[in-house]
N, C-alpha and C. Protein backbone atom coordinates (compact mmCIF):
# COMPACT_ATOMS: atom_id res chain seq x y z
N MET A 1 65.10 -58.94 14.85
CA MET A 1 64.45 -60.14 15.36
C MET A 1 64.87 -61.32 14.48
N ASN A 2 65.44 -62.32 15.11
CA ASN A 2 65.88 -63.52 14.39
C ASN A 2 64.75 -64.54 14.40
N ILE A 3 64.14 -64.75 13.23
CA ILE A 3 62.98 -65.63 13.10
C ILE A 3 63.35 -66.82 12.24
N GLU A 4 62.99 -68.02 12.71
CA GLU A 4 63.17 -69.20 11.87
C GLU A 4 61.97 -70.12 12.04
N ARG A 5 61.70 -70.89 10.99
CA ARG A 5 60.62 -71.87 11.03
C ARG A 5 61.24 -73.23 11.27
N ILE A 6 60.66 -73.94 12.24
CA ILE A 6 61.15 -75.27 12.58
C ILE A 6 59.96 -76.21 12.73
N GLU A 7 60.21 -77.50 12.59
CA GLU A 7 59.21 -78.52 12.92
C GLU A 7 59.72 -79.27 14.13
N LYS A 8 58.82 -79.54 15.05
CA LYS A 8 59.18 -80.31 16.24
C LYS A 8 58.14 -81.39 16.43
N LYS A 9 58.61 -82.63 16.53
CA LYS A 9 57.67 -83.72 16.75
C LYS A 9 57.08 -83.59 18.15
N SER A 10 56.02 -84.32 18.38
CA SER A 10 55.36 -84.31 19.69
C SER A 10 56.38 -84.63 20.77
N PHE A 11 56.26 -83.95 21.91
CA PHE A 11 57.20 -84.15 23.01
C PHE A 11 56.48 -83.99 24.34
N ALA A 12 57.08 -84.55 25.37
CA ALA A 12 56.48 -84.50 26.71
C ALA A 12 57.28 -83.57 27.61
N VAL A 13 56.54 -82.87 28.46
CA VAL A 13 57.13 -81.99 29.47
C VAL A 13 56.54 -82.39 30.81
N ILE A 14 57.40 -82.58 31.79
CA ILE A 14 56.96 -82.79 33.17
C ILE A 14 57.33 -81.55 33.94
N GLY A 15 56.34 -80.99 34.63
CA GLY A 15 56.60 -79.75 35.34
C GLY A 15 55.55 -79.45 36.39
N LYS A 16 55.59 -78.21 36.83
CA LYS A 16 54.63 -77.69 37.81
C LYS A 16 53.61 -76.85 37.07
N GLU A 17 52.33 -77.21 37.23
CA GLU A 17 51.25 -76.55 36.50
C GLU A 17 50.54 -75.51 37.35
N GLY A 18 50.22 -74.41 36.70
CA GLY A 18 49.43 -73.38 37.35
C GLY A 18 48.60 -72.66 36.31
N SER A 19 47.82 -71.68 36.76
CA SER A 19 46.97 -70.95 35.83
C SER A 19 46.95 -69.47 36.20
N THR A 20 46.51 -68.69 35.23
CA THR A 20 46.39 -67.26 35.46
C THR A 20 45.41 -66.98 36.61
N ALA A 21 44.53 -67.92 36.90
CA ALA A 21 43.60 -67.76 38.03
C ALA A 21 44.34 -67.79 39.37
N ASP A 22 45.61 -68.23 39.36
CA ASP A 22 46.40 -68.27 40.59
C ASP A 22 46.96 -66.90 40.98
N GLY A 23 46.72 -65.90 40.15
CA GLY A 23 47.11 -64.54 40.50
C GLY A 23 48.45 -64.11 39.95
N GLU A 24 48.70 -62.83 40.10
CA GLU A 24 49.93 -62.23 39.59
C GLU A 24 51.15 -62.93 40.16
N GLY A 25 52.14 -63.12 39.33
CA GLY A 25 53.39 -63.75 39.76
C GLY A 25 53.35 -65.27 39.80
N PHE A 26 52.25 -65.87 39.31
CA PHE A 26 52.14 -67.33 39.42
C PHE A 26 53.22 -68.05 38.62
N ILE A 27 53.65 -67.50 37.49
CA ILE A 27 54.67 -68.18 36.69
C ILE A 27 56.00 -68.22 37.44
N ALA A 28 56.37 -67.13 38.06
CA ALA A 28 57.61 -67.10 38.84
C ALA A 28 57.55 -68.10 39.99
N ARG A 29 56.38 -68.21 40.62
CA ARG A 29 56.22 -69.18 41.72
C ARG A 29 56.34 -70.62 41.20
N LEU A 30 55.79 -70.88 40.02
CA LEU A 30 55.90 -72.23 39.43
C LEU A 30 57.36 -72.58 39.17
N TRP A 31 58.12 -71.63 38.60
CA TRP A 31 59.54 -71.89 38.32
C TRP A 31 60.32 -72.10 39.61
N GLU A 32 60.01 -71.34 40.62
CA GLU A 32 60.70 -71.51 41.90
C GLU A 32 60.43 -72.91 42.45
N ASP A 33 59.19 -73.35 42.39
CA ASP A 33 58.81 -74.68 42.86
C ASP A 33 59.50 -75.77 42.02
N ALA A 34 59.44 -75.63 40.70
CA ALA A 34 60.05 -76.64 39.82
C ALA A 34 61.56 -76.71 40.02
N ASN A 35 62.20 -75.57 40.07
CA ASN A 35 63.66 -75.55 40.23
C ASN A 35 64.11 -76.09 41.58
N SER A 36 63.36 -75.79 42.62
CA SER A 36 63.77 -76.23 43.96
C SER A 36 63.51 -77.73 44.19
N HIS A 37 62.72 -78.35 43.30
CA HIS A 37 62.44 -79.79 43.42
C HIS A 37 62.89 -80.57 42.19
N PHE A 38 63.80 -79.98 41.41
CA PHE A 38 64.21 -80.60 40.16
C PHE A 38 64.77 -82.00 40.35
N ASP A 39 65.40 -82.25 41.50
CA ASP A 39 65.98 -83.57 41.76
C ASP A 39 64.92 -84.68 41.66
N GLU A 40 63.64 -84.34 41.85
CA GLU A 40 62.57 -85.33 41.79
C GLU A 40 62.29 -85.81 40.36
N VAL A 41 62.68 -85.01 39.35
CA VAL A 41 62.41 -85.37 37.96
C VAL A 41 63.68 -85.45 37.11
N GLN A 42 64.80 -85.20 37.71
CA GLN A 42 66.06 -85.16 36.96
C GLN A 42 66.30 -86.44 36.16
N ASN A 43 65.97 -87.58 36.75
CA ASN A 43 66.19 -88.86 36.07
C ASN A 43 65.22 -89.09 34.90
N LEU A 44 64.16 -88.28 34.81
CA LEU A 44 63.17 -88.41 33.73
C LEU A 44 63.47 -87.47 32.55
N ALA A 45 64.39 -86.53 32.77
CA ALA A 45 64.68 -85.51 31.77
C ALA A 45 65.35 -86.13 30.55
N LYS A 46 64.94 -85.66 29.37
CA LYS A 46 65.58 -86.09 28.12
C LYS A 46 66.92 -85.39 28.01
N LYS A 47 67.93 -86.16 27.62
CA LYS A 47 69.29 -85.62 27.51
C LYS A 47 69.85 -85.91 26.12
N ASP A 48 70.81 -85.07 25.70
CA ASP A 48 71.46 -85.29 24.41
C ASP A 48 72.58 -86.32 24.56
N ALA A 49 73.32 -86.56 23.51
CA ALA A 49 74.38 -87.58 23.51
C ALA A 49 75.48 -87.29 24.53
N ASP A 50 75.63 -86.02 24.91
CA ASP A 50 76.65 -85.63 25.89
C ASP A 50 76.12 -85.62 27.32
N GLY A 51 74.85 -85.99 27.49
CA GLY A 51 74.26 -86.02 28.83
C GLY A 51 73.68 -84.70 29.30
N ASN A 52 73.55 -83.74 28.39
CA ASN A 52 72.98 -82.43 28.74
C ASN A 52 71.48 -82.42 28.51
N LEU A 53 70.75 -81.65 29.32
CA LEU A 53 69.32 -81.52 29.15
C LEU A 53 69.01 -81.02 27.74
N VAL A 54 67.90 -81.54 27.16
CA VAL A 54 67.49 -81.15 25.82
C VAL A 54 66.71 -79.83 25.84
N GLY A 55 65.88 -79.63 26.86
CA GLY A 55 65.08 -78.41 26.86
C GLY A 55 64.34 -78.15 28.15
N ILE A 56 64.24 -76.87 28.45
CA ILE A 56 63.44 -76.38 29.58
C ILE A 56 62.27 -75.63 28.96
N TRP A 57 61.07 -75.95 29.39
CA TRP A 57 59.86 -75.43 28.75
C TRP A 57 58.94 -74.70 29.71
N GLY A 58 58.43 -73.59 29.24
CA GLY A 58 57.27 -72.94 29.82
C GLY A 58 56.15 -73.19 28.82
N ALA A 59 55.55 -74.36 28.93
CA ALA A 59 54.50 -74.76 27.99
C ALA A 59 53.19 -74.09 28.38
N MET A 60 52.39 -73.77 27.37
CA MET A 60 51.13 -73.08 27.64
C MET A 60 49.98 -73.76 26.91
N SER A 61 48.79 -73.58 27.48
CA SER A 61 47.58 -74.14 26.89
C SER A 61 46.39 -73.33 27.38
N ASP A 62 45.31 -73.42 26.61
CA ASP A 62 44.04 -72.88 27.10
C ASP A 62 43.56 -73.79 28.24
N PHE A 63 42.48 -73.39 28.87
CA PHE A 63 41.99 -74.15 30.03
C PHE A 63 41.50 -75.56 29.68
N SER A 64 41.19 -75.83 28.42
CA SER A 64 40.72 -77.16 28.04
C SER A 64 41.87 -78.15 27.88
N ARG A 65 43.10 -77.66 28.01
CA ARG A 65 44.32 -78.47 27.85
C ARG A 65 44.45 -79.02 26.43
N SER A 66 43.90 -78.28 25.46
CA SER A 66 44.00 -78.71 24.06
C SER A 66 45.06 -77.90 23.31
N PHE A 67 45.87 -77.15 24.04
CA PHE A 67 46.99 -76.39 23.48
C PHE A 67 46.56 -75.26 22.55
N LYS A 68 45.33 -74.80 22.71
CA LYS A 68 44.90 -73.61 21.98
C LYS A 68 45.50 -72.39 22.69
N PRO A 69 45.56 -71.25 21.98
CA PRO A 69 46.11 -70.04 22.62
C PRO A 69 45.31 -69.65 23.87
N TRP A 70 46.00 -68.96 24.76
CA TRP A 70 45.33 -68.43 25.93
C TRP A 70 44.17 -67.52 25.49
N GLU A 71 43.09 -67.54 26.26
CA GLU A 71 41.94 -66.68 25.99
C GLU A 71 42.38 -65.22 26.08
N ASP A 72 42.20 -64.48 25.00
CA ASP A 72 42.62 -63.07 24.92
C ASP A 72 44.10 -62.89 25.25
N PHE A 73 44.89 -63.95 25.09
CA PHE A 73 46.32 -63.95 25.41
C PHE A 73 46.58 -63.57 26.87
N GLU A 74 45.55 -63.72 27.71
CA GLU A 74 45.69 -63.32 29.12
C GLU A 74 45.29 -64.40 30.10
N ASN A 75 44.55 -65.41 29.68
CA ASN A 75 44.03 -66.41 30.60
C ASN A 75 44.28 -67.81 30.09
N GLY A 76 44.96 -68.61 30.92
CA GLY A 76 45.25 -69.97 30.51
C GLY A 76 46.12 -70.70 31.51
N LEU A 77 46.66 -71.83 31.06
CA LEU A 77 47.49 -72.70 31.88
C LEU A 77 48.95 -72.57 31.48
N TYR A 78 49.83 -72.82 32.45
CA TYR A 78 51.28 -72.75 32.22
C TYR A 78 51.92 -73.94 32.93
N LEU A 79 52.86 -74.57 32.26
CA LEU A 79 53.59 -75.70 32.84
C LEU A 79 55.08 -75.37 32.80
N ALA A 80 55.67 -75.19 33.96
CA ALA A 80 57.10 -74.90 34.10
C ALA A 80 57.83 -76.22 34.29
N GLY A 81 58.59 -76.64 33.26
CA GLY A 81 59.20 -77.96 33.39
C GLY A 81 60.30 -78.27 32.41
N VAL A 82 60.58 -79.54 32.34
CA VAL A 82 61.69 -80.05 31.54
C VAL A 82 61.16 -81.07 30.54
N GLU A 83 61.74 -81.05 29.34
CA GLU A 83 61.39 -82.06 28.34
C GLU A 83 61.84 -83.40 28.89
N CYS A 84 60.98 -84.41 28.81
CA CYS A 84 61.29 -85.69 29.43
C CYS A 84 61.28 -86.82 28.41
N VAL A 85 61.81 -87.93 28.84
CA VAL A 85 61.89 -89.11 27.97
C VAL A 85 60.48 -89.64 27.71
N ASP A 86 60.32 -90.25 26.54
CA ASP A 86 59.03 -90.83 26.18
C ASP A 86 58.62 -91.86 27.23
N GLY A 87 57.36 -91.85 27.59
CA GLY A 87 56.84 -92.83 28.54
C GLY A 87 57.08 -92.48 30.00
N ALA A 88 57.75 -91.37 30.28
CA ALA A 88 58.00 -90.99 31.68
C ALA A 88 56.69 -90.69 32.39
N GLU A 89 56.62 -91.11 33.62
CA GLU A 89 55.44 -90.83 34.46
C GLU A 89 55.82 -89.80 35.52
N PRO A 90 55.01 -88.77 35.68
CA PRO A 90 55.35 -87.72 36.64
C PRO A 90 55.20 -88.20 38.08
N PRO A 91 56.14 -87.79 38.94
CA PRO A 91 55.98 -88.11 40.36
C PRO A 91 54.84 -87.30 40.97
N ASP A 92 54.44 -87.65 42.18
CA ASP A 92 53.39 -86.89 42.88
C ASP A 92 53.77 -85.41 42.92
N GLY A 93 52.77 -84.56 42.65
CA GLY A 93 52.99 -83.13 42.70
C GLY A 93 53.46 -82.53 41.38
N TRP A 94 53.70 -83.38 40.39
CA TRP A 94 54.16 -82.94 39.07
C TRP A 94 53.09 -83.29 38.04
N THR A 95 53.11 -82.60 36.92
CA THR A 95 52.13 -82.82 35.85
C THR A 95 52.87 -83.07 34.54
N LYS A 96 52.31 -83.95 33.73
CA LYS A 96 52.90 -84.23 32.42
C LYS A 96 51.95 -83.76 31.31
N TRP A 97 52.50 -83.02 30.37
CA TRP A 97 51.78 -82.64 29.17
C TRP A 97 52.51 -83.24 27.98
N VAL A 98 51.75 -83.68 26.98
CA VAL A 98 52.32 -84.13 25.72
C VAL A 98 51.91 -83.10 24.67
N VAL A 99 52.88 -82.32 24.24
CA VAL A 99 52.64 -81.24 23.28
C VAL A 99 52.60 -81.86 21.88
N PRO A 100 51.56 -81.55 21.10
CA PRO A 100 51.45 -82.12 19.75
C PRO A 100 52.57 -81.64 18.82
N ARG A 101 52.70 -82.33 17.72
CA ARG A 101 53.68 -81.97 16.70
C ARG A 101 53.18 -80.73 15.95
N TYR A 102 54.07 -79.76 15.82
CA TYR A 102 53.75 -78.51 15.13
C TYR A 102 54.91 -78.05 14.27
N GLU A 103 54.58 -77.18 13.33
CA GLU A 103 55.57 -76.31 12.72
C GLU A 103 55.50 -75.02 13.52
N PHE A 104 56.66 -74.53 13.94
CA PHE A 104 56.73 -73.33 14.77
C PHE A 104 57.50 -72.22 14.07
N VAL A 105 57.16 -71.00 14.41
CA VAL A 105 58.03 -69.86 14.18
C VAL A 105 58.77 -69.68 15.51
N ARG A 106 60.10 -69.82 15.45
CA ARG A 106 60.93 -69.72 16.67
C ARG A 106 61.65 -68.37 16.64
N VAL A 107 61.50 -67.63 17.75
CA VAL A 107 62.08 -66.30 17.86
C VAL A 107 62.85 -66.22 19.18
N GLU A 108 64.08 -65.71 19.11
CA GLU A 108 64.82 -65.51 20.35
C GLU A 108 64.10 -64.45 21.16
N ASN A 109 63.91 -64.72 22.45
CA ASN A 109 63.21 -63.79 23.33
C ASN A 109 64.18 -62.69 23.72
N GLU A 110 64.00 -61.53 23.08
CA GLU A 110 64.93 -60.42 23.28
C GLU A 110 64.36 -59.32 24.16
N GLY A 111 63.20 -59.54 24.75
CA GLY A 111 62.64 -58.50 25.61
C GLY A 111 61.13 -58.55 25.65
N GLU A 112 60.57 -57.55 26.30
CA GLU A 112 59.13 -57.54 26.55
C GLU A 112 58.30 -57.35 25.29
N ASN A 113 58.91 -56.90 24.19
CA ASN A 113 58.15 -56.68 22.95
C ASN A 113 58.19 -57.86 21.99
N THR A 114 58.94 -58.90 22.33
CA THR A 114 59.10 -60.03 21.41
C THR A 114 57.76 -60.64 21.02
N PHE A 115 56.89 -60.85 22.00
CA PHE A 115 55.60 -61.48 21.73
C PHE A 115 54.79 -60.63 20.75
N ALA A 116 54.60 -59.36 21.05
CA ALA A 116 53.80 -58.48 20.20
C ALA A 116 54.42 -58.32 18.81
N GLU A 117 55.73 -58.18 18.75
CA GLU A 117 56.40 -58.02 17.46
C GLU A 117 56.25 -59.28 16.60
N THR A 118 56.28 -60.45 17.25
CA THR A 118 56.14 -61.69 16.48
C THR A 118 54.71 -61.87 16.01
N LEU A 119 53.73 -61.52 16.83
CA LEU A 119 52.34 -61.57 16.37
C LEU A 119 52.14 -60.67 15.15
N LYS A 120 52.76 -59.49 15.18
CA LYS A 120 52.67 -58.58 14.04
C LYS A 120 53.32 -59.20 12.81
N TYR A 121 54.48 -59.83 12.99
CA TYR A 121 55.17 -60.52 11.89
C TYR A 121 54.27 -61.61 11.30
N LEU A 122 53.63 -62.41 12.16
CA LEU A 122 52.75 -63.48 11.68
C LEU A 122 51.63 -62.90 10.83
N GLU A 123 51.01 -61.84 11.33
CA GLU A 123 49.90 -61.22 10.60
C GLU A 123 50.37 -60.70 9.25
N GLU A 124 51.50 -60.01 9.25
CA GLU A 124 52.03 -59.45 8.00
C GLU A 124 52.44 -60.54 7.01
N SER A 125 52.76 -61.72 7.52
CA SER A 125 53.19 -62.84 6.68
C SER A 125 52.03 -63.75 6.30
N GLY A 126 50.83 -63.42 6.72
CA GLY A 126 49.67 -64.23 6.40
C GLY A 126 49.61 -65.53 7.19
N LEU A 127 50.27 -65.56 8.33
CA LEU A 127 50.29 -66.76 9.18
C LEU A 127 49.39 -66.54 10.39
N THR A 128 48.80 -67.63 10.88
CA THR A 128 47.96 -67.55 12.08
C THR A 128 48.44 -68.58 13.10
N LEU A 129 48.15 -68.30 14.34
CA LEU A 129 48.51 -69.24 15.40
C LEU A 129 47.66 -70.50 15.31
N ALA A 130 48.30 -71.64 15.42
CA ALA A 130 47.60 -72.93 15.42
C ALA A 130 47.51 -73.50 16.83
N GLY A 131 48.06 -72.77 17.79
CA GLY A 131 48.07 -73.25 19.17
C GLY A 131 48.69 -72.20 20.07
N ALA A 132 48.86 -72.59 21.33
CA ALA A 132 49.44 -71.69 22.33
C ALA A 132 50.94 -71.53 22.11
N VAL A 133 51.44 -70.36 22.43
CA VAL A 133 52.87 -70.06 22.33
C VAL A 133 53.58 -70.67 23.53
N HIS A 134 54.79 -71.19 23.31
CA HIS A 134 55.57 -71.81 24.38
C HIS A 134 56.89 -71.07 24.55
N ASP A 135 57.35 -71.03 25.80
CA ASP A 135 58.68 -70.52 26.11
C ASP A 135 59.63 -71.71 26.13
N PHE A 136 60.80 -71.54 25.57
CA PHE A 136 61.79 -72.61 25.52
C PHE A 136 63.15 -72.03 25.86
N THR A 137 63.86 -72.71 26.75
CA THR A 137 65.24 -72.35 27.05
C THR A 137 66.12 -73.49 26.59
N ASP A 138 67.11 -73.15 25.77
CA ASP A 138 68.08 -74.13 25.27
C ASP A 138 69.19 -74.23 26.31
N PRO A 139 69.25 -75.35 27.06
CA PRO A 139 70.26 -75.47 28.12
C PRO A 139 71.70 -75.39 27.60
N SER A 140 71.93 -75.75 26.34
CA SER A 140 73.30 -75.74 25.82
C SER A 140 73.82 -74.32 25.63
N SER A 141 72.91 -73.38 25.32
CA SER A 141 73.33 -72.00 25.10
C SER A 141 72.83 -71.04 26.17
N GLY A 142 71.79 -71.47 26.89
CA GLY A 142 71.17 -70.59 27.88
C GLY A 142 70.21 -69.58 27.26
N LYS A 143 70.06 -69.62 25.93
CA LYS A 143 69.19 -68.66 25.26
C LYS A 143 67.72 -69.05 25.41
N GLY A 144 66.88 -68.03 25.52
CA GLY A 144 65.45 -68.23 25.62
C GLY A 144 64.76 -67.91 24.31
N TYR A 145 63.76 -68.69 23.98
CA TYR A 145 63.02 -68.53 22.74
C TYR A 145 61.53 -68.57 23.02
N MET A 146 60.76 -68.02 22.10
CA MET A 146 59.31 -68.20 22.09
C MET A 146 58.99 -68.98 20.82
N LEU A 147 58.17 -70.01 20.97
CA LEU A 147 57.78 -70.84 19.83
C LEU A 147 56.30 -70.63 19.55
N PHE A 148 56.02 -70.12 18.37
CA PHE A 148 54.66 -69.79 17.93
C PHE A 148 54.21 -70.88 16.96
N PRO A 149 53.28 -71.76 17.37
CA PRO A 149 52.83 -72.82 16.46
C PRO A 149 51.99 -72.24 15.33
N ILE A 150 52.39 -72.56 14.09
CA ILE A 150 51.66 -72.03 12.95
C ILE A 150 50.96 -73.13 12.14
N ARG A 151 51.30 -74.40 12.43
CA ARG A 151 50.65 -75.50 11.71
C ARG A 151 50.79 -76.77 12.53
N LYS A 152 49.65 -77.40 12.81
CA LYS A 152 49.68 -78.70 13.48
C LYS A 152 49.96 -79.74 12.42
N ILE A 153 50.90 -80.61 12.71
CA ILE A 153 51.33 -81.61 11.72
C ILE A 153 50.77 -82.98 12.10
């Protein structure tokens, strides 16, 4: 497991929001909706110096939208979207979240055990979650990561 600690300043994600109350498969449905309507937010997406997207996010929060971990790691909100430019306003049917600044433990998502193995690593290292875990896809490499917030900055 490749683990690194990173700091990320506050950032905004515009995407399609759903909750575990929407039933099994809701995350896949959110991604299908977001991907099939991406043209509606493409101009709001944050890009690097070469014009490539900066990040694709599966942002998560508890139901209070305060970015606390999901209740029992099973119940909460999910936002399937793209990192957007500061000040961007979401079009109708889209939702914007502003994720606070955190120090994260970033782990490449290598399979279904990544989440549990990383929680074990945090416990063994004396670290605790400071917020909800986020999924991140790096568009430049196509690699997927899980970001575990360990300190709000």
